[in-house]
């Protein structure tokens, strides 16, 4: 019985010691920065970077829907009068920028952060006499005000986006 158990154990050990172990060793060496990147190896940052395009598309839609009502502003005309107008920031393009591993996320676990940069343009409505009219009007007049904003998004340990809105970063 002992001989059968020993022979089975030897067969198991020999079958596990295959060429696949070389790939695992190479991956571990790469993770520690001392080996070449094995063919087909994808880091967590690579996975996050590949997912940032979908995050940017989703978030650009969300930010445009969220900001569609804009801000009502007042433009003074003389000392006693003025006109109201609506101003809306419209996000028109996005670019995935970077992905990094972090030791702790806001949820207390390891994970990744990804950065997406958005281009925006500011639109205004025609000037009207009352605030209510300004709220009801559409901001269709393109201004010369444009810019870029970068947002940081949290990803879990597997590289999956947590679905939360991004936090604006200061460049």
N, C-alpha and C. Protein backbone atom coordinates (compact mmCIF):
# COMPACT_ATOMS: atom_id res chain seq x y z
N UNK A 1 0.83 -1.18 0.00
CA UNK A 1 0.00 0.00 0.00
C UNK A 1 0.88 1.26 0.00
N UNK A 2 1.95 1.25 0.79
CA UNK A 2 2.86 2.39 0.85
C UNK A 2 3.56 2.59 -0.49
N UNK A 3 3.89 1.51 -1.16
CA UNK A 3 4.57 1.62 -2.45
C UNK A 3 3.61 2.24 -3.48
N UNK A 4 2.37 1.84 -3.47
CA UNK A 4 1.37 2.41 -4.38
C UNK A 4 1.17 3.89 -4.12
N UNK A 5 1.11 4.28 -2.85
CA UNK A 5 0.95 5.69 -2.47
C UNK A 5 2.17 6.49 -2.90
N UNK A 6 3.38 5.95 -2.68
CA UNK A 6 4.61 6.64 -3.07
C UNK A 6 4.69 6.79 -4.58
N UNK A 7 4.31 5.74 -5.32
CA UNK A 7 4.35 5.80 -6.79
C UNK A 7 3.35 6.84 -7.31
N UNK A 8 2.17 6.88 -6.71
CA UNK A 8 1.17 7.86 -7.12
C UNK A 8 1.65 9.28 -6.86
N UNK A 9 2.28 9.47 -5.73
CA UNK A 9 2.81 10.79 -5.38
C UNK A 9 3.90 11.21 -6.36
N UNK A 10 4.77 10.27 -6.75
CA UNK A 10 5.83 10.57 -7.72
C UNK A 10 5.24 10.94 -9.08
N UNK A 11 4.23 10.22 -9.52
CA UNK A 11 3.58 10.51 -10.80
C UNK A 11 2.95 11.90 -10.76
N UNK A 12 2.33 12.25 -9.65
CA UNK A 12 1.70 13.56 -9.50
C UNK A 12 2.74 14.67 -9.55
N UNK A 13 3.84 14.51 -8.85
CA UNK A 13 4.90 15.53 -8.83
C UNK A 13 5.51 15.69 -10.21
N UNK A 14 5.78 14.59 -10.90
CA UNK A 14 6.38 14.66 -12.23
C UNK A 14 5.42 15.30 -13.22
N UNK A 15 4.15 15.01 -13.13
CA UNK A 15 3.19 15.59 -14.06
C UNK A 15 3.01 17.09 -13.83
N UNK A 16 3.18 17.54 -12.60
CA UNK A 16 3.05 18.98 -12.31
C UNK A 16 4.29 19.75 -12.74
N UNK A 17 5.44 19.09 -12.76
CA UNK A 17 6.69 19.76 -13.14
C UNK A 17 6.81 19.71 -14.65
N UNK A 18 6.20 20.67 -15.31
CA UNK A 18 6.22 20.71 -16.78
C UNK A 18 6.79 22.04 -17.24
N UNK A 19 6.72 22.29 -18.52
CA UNK A 19 7.21 23.54 -19.08
C UNK A 19 6.39 24.73 -18.61
N UNK A 20 5.17 24.52 -18.13
CA UNK A 20 4.35 25.62 -17.65
C UNK A 20 4.98 26.29 -16.44
N UNK A 21 5.77 25.54 -15.66
CA UNK A 21 6.43 26.13 -14.50
C UNK A 21 7.41 27.21 -14.93
N UNK A 22 8.02 27.06 -16.09
CA UNK A 22 8.94 28.08 -16.60
C UNK A 22 8.18 29.38 -16.82
N UNK A 23 6.95 29.31 -17.36
CA UNK A 23 6.15 30.51 -17.57
C UNK A 23 5.80 31.20 -16.27
N UNK A 24 5.50 30.43 -15.23
CA UNK A 24 5.18 31.01 -13.93
C UNK A 24 6.40 31.70 -13.36
N UNK A 25 7.56 31.05 -13.47
CA UNK A 25 8.81 31.63 -12.97
C UNK A 25 9.11 32.93 -13.70
N UNK A 26 8.92 32.94 -15.02
CA UNK A 26 9.18 34.15 -15.81
C UNK A 26 8.22 35.27 -15.41
N UNK A 27 6.95 34.95 -15.16
CA UNK A 27 5.98 35.96 -14.73
C UNK A 27 6.37 36.55 -13.38
N UNK A 28 6.81 35.70 -12.46
CA UNK A 28 7.23 36.18 -11.15
C UNK A 28 8.46 37.06 -11.29
N UNK A 29 9.41 36.66 -12.14
CA UNK A 29 10.61 37.48 -12.36
C UNK A 29 10.22 38.84 -12.94
N UNK A 30 9.28 38.85 -13.90
CA UNK A 30 8.85 40.12 -14.49
C UNK A 30 8.17 41.00 -13.44
N UNK A 31 7.33 40.41 -12.61
CA UNK A 31 6.64 41.18 -11.57
C UNK A 31 7.63 41.85 -10.62
N UNK A 32 8.78 41.22 -10.39
CA UNK A 32 9.80 41.81 -9.53
C UNK A 32 10.79 42.67 -10.30
N UNK A 33 10.58 42.81 -11.61
CA UNK A 33 11.42 43.70 -12.41
C UNK A 33 12.76 43.13 -12.79
N UNK A 34 12.94 41.81 -12.71
CA UNK A 34 14.24 41.23 -13.03
C UNK A 34 14.21 40.32 -14.25
N UNK A 35 13.10 40.19 -14.90
CA UNK A 35 13.00 39.31 -16.06
C UNK A 35 12.29 39.98 -17.21
N UNK A 36 12.36 39.33 -18.37
CA UNK A 36 11.67 39.81 -19.55
C UNK A 36 10.18 39.52 -19.44
N UNK A 37 9.38 40.37 -20.05
CA UNK A 37 7.94 40.18 -20.05
C UNK A 37 7.59 38.99 -20.94
N UNK A 38 6.95 37.95 -20.38
CA UNK A 38 6.58 36.78 -21.19
C UNK A 38 5.55 37.16 -22.25
N UNK A 39 5.54 36.42 -23.33
CA UNK A 39 4.60 36.67 -24.40
C UNK A 39 3.16 36.48 -23.90
N UNK A 40 2.31 37.46 -24.19
CA UNK A 40 0.92 37.38 -23.79
C UNK A 40 0.65 37.80 -22.36
N UNK A 41 1.69 38.20 -21.62
CA UNK A 41 1.49 38.58 -20.23
C UNK A 41 0.87 39.97 -20.16
N UNK A 42 -0.16 40.12 -19.34
CA UNK A 42 -0.86 41.39 -19.20
C UNK A 42 -0.90 41.77 -17.72
N UNK A 43 -0.36 42.93 -17.40
CA UNK A 43 -0.38 43.40 -16.01
C UNK A 43 -1.76 43.95 -15.69
N UNK A 44 -2.02 44.16 -14.42
CA UNK A 44 -3.28 44.78 -14.01
C UNK A 44 -3.43 46.17 -14.59
N UNK A 45 -2.34 46.92 -14.65
CA UNK A 45 -2.39 48.27 -15.24
C UNK A 45 -2.74 48.20 -16.72
N UNK A 46 -2.23 47.18 -17.40
CA UNK A 46 -2.59 47.01 -18.82
C UNK A 46 -4.08 46.74 -18.97
N UNK A 47 -4.64 45.91 -18.08
CA UNK A 47 -6.08 45.62 -18.13
C UNK A 47 -6.88 46.89 -17.89
N UNK A 48 -6.47 47.67 -16.89
CA UNK A 48 -7.19 48.91 -16.58
C UNK A 48 -7.09 49.88 -17.75
N UNK A 49 -5.91 50.00 -18.34
CA UNK A 49 -5.73 50.91 -19.46
C UNK A 49 -6.64 50.52 -20.63
N UNK A 50 -6.81 49.22 -20.86
CA UNK A 50 -7.67 48.78 -21.95
C UNK A 50 -9.15 49.05 -21.64
N UNK A 51 -9.50 49.18 -20.39
CA UNK A 51 -10.90 49.44 -20.00
C UNK A 51 -11.23 50.92 -19.88
N UNK A 52 -10.22 51.78 -19.91
CA UNK A 52 -10.45 53.22 -19.74
C UNK A 52 -11.25 53.83 -20.88
N UNK A 53 -11.17 53.26 -22.08
CA UNK A 53 -11.96 53.79 -23.19
C UNK A 53 -13.45 53.67 -22.90
N UNK A 54 -13.87 52.52 -22.41
CA UNK A 54 -15.29 52.33 -22.07
C UNK A 54 -15.70 53.23 -20.91
N UNK A 55 -14.81 53.41 -19.94
CA UNK A 55 -15.10 54.30 -18.81
C UNK A 55 -15.27 55.73 -19.30
N UNK A 56 -14.36 56.18 -20.18
CA UNK A 56 -14.44 57.54 -20.71
C UNK A 56 -15.73 57.79 -21.46
N UNK A 57 -16.13 56.83 -22.28
CA UNK A 57 -17.37 56.97 -23.06
C UNK A 57 -18.58 57.05 -22.12
N UNK A 58 -18.62 56.15 -21.14
CA UNK A 58 -19.74 56.12 -20.20
C UNK A 58 -19.80 57.39 -19.36
N UNK A 59 -18.65 57.80 -18.86
CA UNK A 59 -18.62 58.98 -17.99
C UNK A 59 -18.89 60.27 -18.75
N UNK A 60 -18.47 60.37 -19.99
CA UNK A 60 -18.74 61.58 -20.77
C UNK A 60 -20.25 61.74 -20.96
N UNK A 61 -20.95 60.63 -21.23
CA UNK A 61 -22.41 60.69 -21.34
C UNK A 61 -23.03 61.12 -20.01
N UNK A 62 -22.56 60.52 -18.91
CA UNK A 62 -23.11 60.83 -17.58
C UNK A 62 -22.91 62.30 -17.25
N UNK A 63 -21.70 62.82 -17.48
CA UNK A 63 -21.41 64.22 -17.14
C UNK A 63 -22.23 65.19 -18.00
N UNK A 64 -22.45 64.85 -19.27
CA UNK A 64 -23.26 65.71 -20.12
C UNK A 64 -24.73 65.69 -19.71
N UNK A 65 -25.24 64.53 -19.31
CA UNK A 65 -26.63 64.45 -18.83
C UNK A 65 -26.75 65.21 -17.51
N UNK A 66 -25.79 65.02 -16.63
CA UNK A 66 -25.81 65.68 -15.33
C UNK A 66 -25.74 67.20 -15.46
N UNK A 67 -24.99 67.69 -16.42
CA UNK A 67 -24.81 69.14 -16.57
C UNK A 67 -25.69 69.79 -17.60
N UNK A 68 -26.69 69.07 -18.11
CA UNK A 68 -27.51 69.61 -19.20
C UNK A 68 -28.34 70.82 -18.78
N UNK A 69 -28.62 70.96 -17.49
CA UNK A 69 -29.40 72.12 -17.02
C UNK A 69 -28.54 73.37 -16.88
N UNK A 70 -27.25 73.19 -16.73
CA UNK A 70 -26.32 74.32 -16.68
C UNK A 70 -26.52 75.23 -15.48
N UNK A 71 -25.89 76.37 -15.57
CA UNK A 71 -25.97 77.39 -14.53
C UNK A 71 -26.64 78.63 -15.09
N UNK A 72 -27.51 79.23 -14.29
CA UNK A 72 -28.15 80.48 -14.69
C UNK A 72 -27.28 81.62 -14.17
N UNK A 73 -26.93 82.53 -15.08
CA UNK A 73 -26.06 83.65 -14.73
C UNK A 73 -26.76 84.96 -15.08
N UNK A 74 -26.26 86.02 -14.48
CA UNK A 74 -26.84 87.35 -14.69
C UNK A 74 -25.77 88.25 -15.26
N UNK A 75 -26.10 88.94 -16.36
CA UNK A 75 -25.18 89.87 -16.99
C UNK A 75 -25.72 91.28 -16.76
N UNK A 76 -24.99 92.07 -16.01
CA UNK A 76 -25.43 93.44 -15.71
C UNK A 76 -25.32 94.32 -16.94
N UNK A 77 -26.32 95.17 -17.08
CA UNK A 77 -26.34 96.16 -18.15
C UNK A 77 -26.65 97.50 -17.51
N UNK A 78 -25.66 98.30 -17.31
CA UNK A 78 -25.85 99.56 -16.61
C UNK A 78 -25.91 99.33 -15.11
N UNK A 79 -26.44 100.31 -14.38
CA UNK A 79 -26.46 100.20 -12.93
C UNK A 79 -27.71 99.53 -12.39
N UNK A 80 -28.80 99.57 -13.12
CA UNK A 80 -30.05 99.03 -12.59
C UNK A 80 -30.61 97.84 -13.36
N UNK A 81 -30.03 97.48 -14.47
CA UNK A 81 -30.64 96.43 -15.29
C UNK A 81 -29.67 95.32 -15.63
N UNK A 82 -30.24 94.35 -16.31
CA UNK A 82 -29.42 93.23 -16.74
C UNK A 82 -30.28 92.14 -17.36
N UNK A 83 -29.61 91.12 -17.83
CA UNK A 83 -30.28 90.00 -18.48
C UNK A 83 -29.75 88.68 -17.91
N UNK A 84 -30.62 87.68 -17.93
CA UNK A 84 -30.25 86.34 -17.48
C UNK A 84 -29.88 85.47 -18.69
N UNK A 85 -29.04 84.49 -18.45
CA UNK A 85 -28.71 83.52 -19.49
C UNK A 85 -28.24 82.22 -18.84
N UNK A 86 -28.34 81.16 -19.62
CA UNK A 86 -27.90 79.84 -19.16
C UNK A 86 -26.53 79.55 -19.74
N UNK A 87 -25.66 78.92 -18.93
CA UNK A 87 -24.34 78.51 -19.39
C UNK A 87 -24.16 77.02 -19.10
N UNK A 88 -23.76 76.27 -20.13
CA UNK A 88 -23.63 74.82 -20.03
C UNK A 88 -22.25 74.40 -20.51
N UNK A 89 -21.62 73.50 -19.75
CA UNK A 89 -20.34 72.92 -20.15
C UNK A 89 -20.64 71.58 -20.82
N UNK A 90 -20.22 71.44 -22.08
CA UNK A 90 -20.47 70.22 -22.85
C UNK A 90 -19.14 69.51 -23.09
N UNK A 91 -19.07 68.26 -22.62
CA UNK A 91 -17.87 67.45 -22.84
C UNK A 91 -17.95 66.84 -24.23
N UNK A 92 -16.93 67.07 -25.04
CA UNK A 92 -16.98 66.68 -26.44
C UNK A 92 -16.04 65.54 -26.81
N UNK A 93 -14.98 65.32 -26.05
CA UNK A 93 -14.02 64.26 -26.37
C UNK A 93 -13.34 63.80 -25.09
N UNK A 94 -12.74 62.62 -25.15
CA UNK A 94 -12.01 62.08 -23.99
C UNK A 94 -10.79 61.31 -24.48
N UNK A 95 -9.82 61.19 -23.59
CA UNK A 95 -8.61 60.43 -23.87
C UNK A 95 -8.19 59.67 -22.62
N UNK A 96 -8.05 58.33 -22.69
CA UNK A 96 -7.46 57.60 -21.57
C UNK A 96 -6.01 58.04 -21.42
N UNK A 97 -5.59 58.34 -20.19
CA UNK A 97 -4.26 58.89 -19.99
C UNK A 97 -3.29 57.91 -19.32
N UNK A 98 -3.68 57.31 -18.21
CA UNK A 98 -2.74 56.51 -17.43
C UNK A 98 -3.50 55.56 -16.51
N UNK A 99 -2.82 54.51 -16.10
CA UNK A 99 -3.36 53.56 -15.13
C UNK A 99 -2.22 53.15 -14.21
N UNK A 100 -2.50 53.12 -12.90
CA UNK A 100 -1.48 52.78 -11.91
C UNK A 100 -2.05 51.89 -10.83
N UNK A 101 -1.17 51.05 -10.29
CA UNK A 101 -1.55 50.22 -9.15
C UNK A 101 -1.44 51.07 -7.89
N UNK A 102 -2.36 50.87 -6.96
CA UNK A 102 -2.30 51.54 -5.66
C UNK A 102 -2.40 50.49 -4.57
N UNK A 103 -1.73 50.75 -3.46
CA UNK A 103 -1.73 49.77 -2.38
C UNK A 103 -3.04 49.76 -1.61
N UNK A 104 -3.70 50.90 -1.54
CA UNK A 104 -4.99 50.99 -0.84
C UNK A 104 -5.93 51.89 -1.63
N UNK A 105 -7.17 51.43 -1.78
CA UNK A 105 -8.19 52.27 -2.40
C UNK A 105 -9.07 52.84 -1.29
N UNK A 106 -10.08 53.57 -1.66
CA UNK A 106 -11.00 54.13 -0.67
C UNK A 106 -11.77 53.04 0.07
N UNK A 107 -11.82 51.84 -0.52
CA UNK A 107 -12.53 50.73 0.10
C UNK A 107 -11.60 49.90 0.99
N UNK A 108 -10.34 50.30 1.12
CA UNK A 108 -9.41 49.62 2.01
C UNK A 108 -8.74 48.40 1.41
N UNK A 109 -8.76 48.23 0.10
CA UNK A 109 -8.12 47.07 -0.52
C UNK A 109 -7.18 47.55 -1.62
N UNK A 110 -6.40 46.64 -2.12
CA UNK A 110 -5.52 46.97 -3.23
C UNK A 110 -6.34 47.16 -4.48
N UNK A 111 -5.79 47.88 -5.42
CA UNK A 111 -6.52 48.10 -6.67
C UNK A 111 -5.72 48.97 -7.60
N UNK A 112 -6.43 49.66 -8.47
CA UNK A 112 -5.81 50.50 -9.49
C UNK A 112 -6.58 51.80 -9.59
N UNK A 113 -5.92 52.81 -10.12
CA UNK A 113 -6.59 54.05 -10.49
C UNK A 113 -6.30 54.30 -11.95
N UNK A 114 -7.28 54.84 -12.65
CA UNK A 114 -7.12 55.19 -14.05
C UNK A 114 -7.47 56.65 -14.24
N UNK A 115 -6.81 57.29 -15.18
CA UNK A 115 -7.01 58.71 -15.44
C UNK A 115 -7.52 58.91 -16.86
N UNK A 116 -8.58 59.72 -16.98
CA UNK A 116 -9.17 60.05 -18.29
C UNK A 116 -9.25 61.56 -18.37
N UNK A 117 -8.83 62.11 -19.52
CA UNK A 117 -8.89 63.55 -19.74
C UNK A 117 -10.03 63.86 -20.71
N UNK A 118 -10.83 64.87 -20.36
CA UNK A 118 -12.00 65.26 -21.16
C UNK A 118 -11.80 66.67 -21.71
N UNK A 119 -12.19 66.89 -22.96
CA UNK A 119 -12.21 68.21 -23.57
C UNK A 119 -13.63 68.73 -23.48
N UNK A 120 -13.78 70.00 -23.11
CA UNK A 120 -15.12 70.58 -23.03
C UNK A 120 -15.19 71.92 -23.73
N UNK A 121 -16.41 72.30 -24.06
CA UNK A 121 -16.72 73.58 -24.68
C UNK A 121 -17.88 74.18 -23.90
N UNK A 122 -17.88 75.48 -23.70
CA UNK A 122 -18.94 76.16 -22.97
C UNK A 122 -19.91 76.79 -23.97
N UNK A 123 -21.20 76.55 -23.74
CA UNK A 123 -22.28 77.11 -24.56
C UNK A 123 -23.15 78.00 -23.68
N UNK A 124 -23.76 79.02 -24.30
CA UNK A 124 -24.65 79.93 -23.59
C UNK A 124 -25.97 80.07 -24.34
N UNK A 125 -27.00 80.48 -23.60
CA UNK A 125 -28.29 80.74 -24.22
C UNK A 125 -28.39 82.23 -24.56
N UNK A 126 -29.39 82.61 -25.34
CA UNK A 126 -29.62 84.05 -25.57
C UNK A 126 -29.98 84.75 -24.25
N UNK A 127 -29.71 86.04 -24.16
CA UNK A 127 -30.04 86.83 -22.96
C UNK A 127 -31.54 87.08 -22.93
N UNK A 128 -32.13 86.87 -21.74
CA UNK A 128 -33.57 87.06 -21.56
C UNK A 128 -33.82 87.88 -20.30
N UNK A 129 -35.06 88.32 -20.14
CA UNK A 129 -35.38 89.23 -19.05
C UNK A 129 -35.53 88.55 -17.68
N UNK A 130 -35.98 87.29 -17.64
CA UNK A 130 -36.22 86.66 -16.34
C UNK A 130 -35.41 85.37 -16.18
N UNK A 131 -35.25 85.00 -14.94
CA UNK A 131 -34.53 83.78 -14.60
C UNK A 131 -35.27 82.54 -15.13
N UNK A 132 -36.59 82.55 -15.05
CA UNK A 132 -37.41 81.43 -15.52
C UNK A 132 -37.23 81.22 -17.02
N UNK A 133 -37.22 82.31 -17.77
CA UNK A 133 -36.99 82.20 -19.21
C UNK A 133 -35.61 81.63 -19.51
N UNK A 134 -34.62 82.03 -18.73
CA UNK A 134 -33.25 81.53 -18.93
C UNK A 134 -33.19 80.03 -18.64
N UNK A 135 -33.88 79.57 -17.60
CA UNK A 135 -33.90 78.15 -17.28
C UNK A 135 -34.56 77.33 -18.38
N UNK A 136 -35.57 77.90 -19.03
CA UNK A 136 -36.31 77.19 -20.07
C UNK A 136 -35.61 77.23 -21.42
N UNK A 137 -34.67 78.13 -21.60
CA UNK A 137 -34.01 78.26 -22.91
C UNK A 137 -32.88 77.24 -23.08
N UNK A 138 -32.49 77.03 -24.32
CA UNK A 138 -31.41 76.10 -24.65
C UNK A 138 -30.11 76.87 -24.83
N UNK A 139 -29.04 76.29 -24.36
CA UNK A 139 -27.72 76.90 -24.52
C UNK A 139 -27.14 76.42 -25.85
N UNK A 140 -27.31 77.21 -26.89
CA UNK A 140 -26.88 76.81 -28.23
C UNK A 140 -25.80 77.70 -28.82
N UNK A 141 -25.43 78.76 -28.12
CA UNK A 141 -24.43 79.69 -28.63
C UNK A 141 -23.05 79.25 -28.13
N UNK A 142 -22.22 78.88 -29.07
CA UNK A 142 -20.87 78.41 -28.72
C UNK A 142 -20.01 79.61 -28.33
N UNK A 143 -19.32 79.49 -27.21
CA UNK A 143 -18.42 80.56 -26.77
C UNK A 143 -16.99 80.17 -27.12
N UNK A 144 -16.06 81.06 -26.85
CA UNK A 144 -14.66 80.75 -27.08
C UNK A 144 -14.01 80.13 -25.84
N UNK A 145 -14.82 79.79 -24.85
CA UNK A 145 -14.32 79.17 -23.63
C UNK A 145 -14.28 77.65 -23.82
N UNK A 146 -13.09 77.10 -23.74
CA UNK A 146 -12.90 75.65 -23.88
C UNK A 146 -11.80 75.24 -22.91
N UNK A 147 -11.72 73.97 -22.63
CA UNK A 147 -10.68 73.52 -21.72
C UNK A 147 -10.62 72.01 -21.61
N UNK A 148 -9.78 71.57 -20.66
CA UNK A 148 -9.61 70.13 -20.41
C UNK A 148 -9.66 69.89 -18.91
N UNK A 149 -10.23 68.75 -18.55
CA UNK A 149 -10.27 68.31 -17.16
C UNK A 149 -9.86 66.85 -17.11
N UNK A 150 -9.11 66.49 -16.07
CA UNK A 150 -8.69 65.10 -15.89
C UNK A 150 -9.38 64.55 -14.65
N UNK A 151 -9.93 63.34 -14.80
CA UNK A 151 -10.63 62.68 -13.70
C UNK A 151 -9.94 61.36 -13.36
N UNK A 152 -9.95 61.01 -12.08
CA UNK A 152 -9.37 59.76 -11.58
C UNK A 152 -10.51 58.81 -11.23
N UNK A 153 -10.38 57.54 -11.68
CA UNK A 153 -11.39 56.51 -11.44
C UNK A 153 -10.77 55.35 -10.68
N UNK A 154 -11.54 54.75 -9.79
CA UNK A 154 -11.06 53.63 -8.98
C UNK A 154 -11.43 52.30 -9.62
N UNK A 155 -10.48 51.38 -9.59
CA UNK A 155 -10.65 50.02 -10.10
C UNK A 155 -10.26 49.05 -9.00
N UNK A 156 -10.92 47.91 -8.98
CA UNK A 156 -10.65 46.88 -7.98
C UNK A 156 -9.37 46.12 -8.27
N UNK A 157 -9.05 45.13 -7.42
CA UNK A 157 -7.83 44.35 -7.60
C UNK A 157 -7.78 43.58 -8.92
N UNK A 158 -8.93 43.24 -9.48
CA UNK A 158 -8.97 42.50 -10.74
C UNK A 158 -8.93 43.44 -11.95
N UNK A 159 -8.96 44.75 -11.72
CA UNK A 159 -8.98 45.72 -12.80
C UNK A 159 -10.36 46.11 -13.24
N UNK A 160 -11.39 45.73 -12.47
CA UNK A 160 -12.77 46.08 -12.81
C UNK A 160 -13.13 47.45 -12.22
N UNK A 161 -13.75 48.30 -13.01
CA UNK A 161 -14.15 49.63 -12.57
C UNK A 161 -15.26 49.50 -11.54
N UNK A 162 -15.18 50.30 -10.48
CA UNK A 162 -16.20 50.22 -9.43
C UNK A 162 -17.50 50.92 -9.81
N UNK A 163 -17.54 51.59 -10.96
CA UNK A 163 -18.75 52.23 -11.46
C UNK A 163 -19.00 53.61 -10.89
N UNK A 164 -18.16 54.05 -9.97
CA UNK A 164 -18.35 55.35 -9.35
C UNK A 164 -17.89 56.49 -10.23
N UNK A 165 -18.43 57.68 -9.98
CA UNK A 165 -17.98 58.84 -10.76
C UNK A 165 -16.53 59.16 -10.42
N UNK A 166 -15.86 59.77 -11.36
CA UNK A 166 -14.46 60.12 -11.14
C UNK A 166 -14.30 61.34 -10.26
N UNK A 167 -13.09 61.48 -9.75
CA UNK A 167 -12.73 62.66 -8.96
C UNK A 167 -11.85 63.55 -9.82
N UNK A 168 -12.21 64.82 -9.93
CA UNK A 168 -11.41 65.73 -10.74
C UNK A 168 -10.05 65.91 -10.09
N UNK A 169 -9.00 65.85 -10.89
CA UNK A 169 -7.65 66.04 -10.38
C UNK A 169 -7.16 67.43 -10.79
N UNK A 170 -6.21 67.90 -10.05
CA UNK A 170 -5.60 69.20 -10.39
C UNK A 170 -4.30 68.93 -11.11
N UNK A 171 -4.19 69.43 -12.33
CA UNK A 171 -2.98 69.22 -13.14
C UNK A 171 -1.86 70.11 -12.71
